[in-house]
Amino acid sequence: MVYKIQHKCNHVCIIHTFFTTGTILKTVIVFRGKGVLPAAEKAQYDSRVIVLFQSSAWADRNICNEWIDEVLAPAFSIHYILLHTLYLILYRK
């Protein structure tokens, strides 16, 4: 599921992946910006989430590629090569 939340000038996109078996994968949170933050702040992020930055807080192609590489593909580690190859064939041009 992809949620886009807007409140005044703050934007965030949340990608939450779960299966009918009850398995919940890491949540991806996309903030608007460039992600230039102090290392101390990045170290405070919860280990259950992946924090990414994009200029408009959209789940664009680059964000989706990172989601596949960091969240979805590891969940299917046995089929990672097949999944990634299929994605490359279908969507990356």
Protein backbone atom coordinates (compact mmCIF):
# COMPACT_ATOMS: atom_id res chain seq x y z
CA MET A 1 0.00 0.00 0.00
CA VAL A 2 1.25 3.47 -0.79
CA TYR A 3 -0.07 6.39 1.20
CA LYS A 4 0.60 10.03 0.42
CA ILE A 5 -0.06 12.39 3.28
CA GLN A 6 -0.14 16.16 2.88
CA HIS A 7 -0.37 18.64 5.70
CA LYS A 8 0.40 22.28 4.93
CA CYS A 9 3.93 22.23 3.49
CA ASN A 10 4.92 18.84 4.89
CA HIS A 11 4.67 15.85 2.58
CA VAL A 12 5.40 12.21 3.23
CA CYS A 13 4.81 9.00 1.31
CA ILE A 14 4.53 5.71 3.19
CA ILE A 15 4.99 2.34 1.48
CA HIS A 16 3.73 -0.46 3.70
CA THR A 17 4.08 -4.03 2.41
CA PHE A 18 2.31 -6.98 3.96
CA PHE A 19 1.09 -10.43 2.92
CA THR A 20 -2.14 -12.26 3.68
CA THR A 21 -0.07 -14.68 5.77
CA GLY A 22 0.49 -11.87 8.27
CA THR A 23 4.07 -11.17 7.26
CA ILE A 24 4.88 -7.47 7.44
CA LEU A 25 7.95 -6.15 5.64
CA LYS A 26 9.90 -3.01 6.47
CA THR A 27 7.96 0.18 5.93
CA VAL A 28 9.46 2.79 3.61
CA ILE A 29 8.90 6.43 4.51
CA VAL A 30 9.67 8.99 1.80
CA PHE A 31 10.12 12.58 2.95
CA ARG A 32 10.35 15.60 0.74
CA GLY A 33 13.89 16.91 0.50
CA LYS A 34 17.43 15.89 -0.34
CA GLY A 35 18.20 13.88 2.78
CA VAL A 36 21.16 15.95 3.87
CA LEU A 37 21.01 15.21 7.59
CA PRO A 38 23.52 14.79 10.41
CA ALA A 39 24.61 11.21 11.02
CA ALA A 40 23.33 11.47 14.59
CA GLU A 41 19.79 12.08 13.32
CA LYS A 42 19.96 9.19 10.86
CA ALA A 43 21.15 6.90 13.67
CA GLN A 44 17.89 7.61 15.53
CA TYR A 45 15.72 6.10 12.80
CA ASP A 46 13.84 2.99 13.83
CA SER A 47 15.39 -0.20 12.44
CA ARG A 48 11.96 -1.36 11.23
CA VAL A 49 11.70 1.44 8.67
CA ILE A 50 13.69 2.65 5.70
CA VAL A 51 13.78 6.42 5.35
CA LEU A 52 14.27 7.86 1.87
CA PHE A 53 14.10 11.34 0.42
CA GLN A 54 12.69 12.62 -2.86
CA SER A 55 12.14 16.20 -4.02
CA SER A 56 8.32 15.90 -3.96
CA ALA A 57 7.92 12.95 -1.55
CA TRP A 58 6.65 10.81 -4.42
CA ALA A 59 7.14 7.08 -4.88
CA ASP A 60 8.81 7.65 -8.24
CA ARG A 61 10.84 5.14 -10.26
CA ASN A 62 14.00 5.58 -8.17
CA ILE A 63 12.12 5.17 -4.89
CA CYS A 64 10.32 2.07 -6.23
CA ASN A 65 13.65 0.62 -7.37
CA GLU A 66 15.04 1.08 -3.85
CA TRP A 67 11.87 -0.47 -2.39
CA ILE A 68 12.33 -3.54 -4.59
CA ASP A 69 16.04 -3.83 -3.79
CA GLU A 70 15.81 -3.20 -0.04
CA VAL A 71 12.37 -4.54 0.94
CA LEU A 72 10.63 -6.77 -1.57
CA ALA A 73 13.51 -8.73 -3.10
CA PRO A 74 15.06 -9.79 0.24
CA ALA A 75 11.67 -11.19 1.27
CA PHE A 76 11.89 -13.43 -1.77
CA SER A 77 15.63 -14.09 -1.51
CA ILE A 78 15.36 -17.44 -3.27
CA HIS A 79 13.73 -15.78 -6.26
CA TYR A 80 15.62 -12.48 -6.06
CA ILE A 81 17.45 -12.85 -9.37
CA LEU A 82 14.27 -13.85 -11.21
CA LEU A 83 12.23 -11.06 -9.62
CA HIS A 84 14.84 -8.41 -10.32
CA THR A 85 15.38 -9.61 -13.89
CA LEU A 86 11.64 -9.60 -14.56
CA TYR A 87 11.39 -6.06 -13.24
CA LEU A 88 14.29 -4.94 -15.40
CA ILE A 89 12.69 -6.43 -18.48
CA LEU A 90 9.24 -4.96 -17.82
CA TYR A 91 9.86 -1.57 -16.29
CA ARG A 92 13.40 -0.25 -16.60
CA LYS A 93 13.91 1.03 -20.07
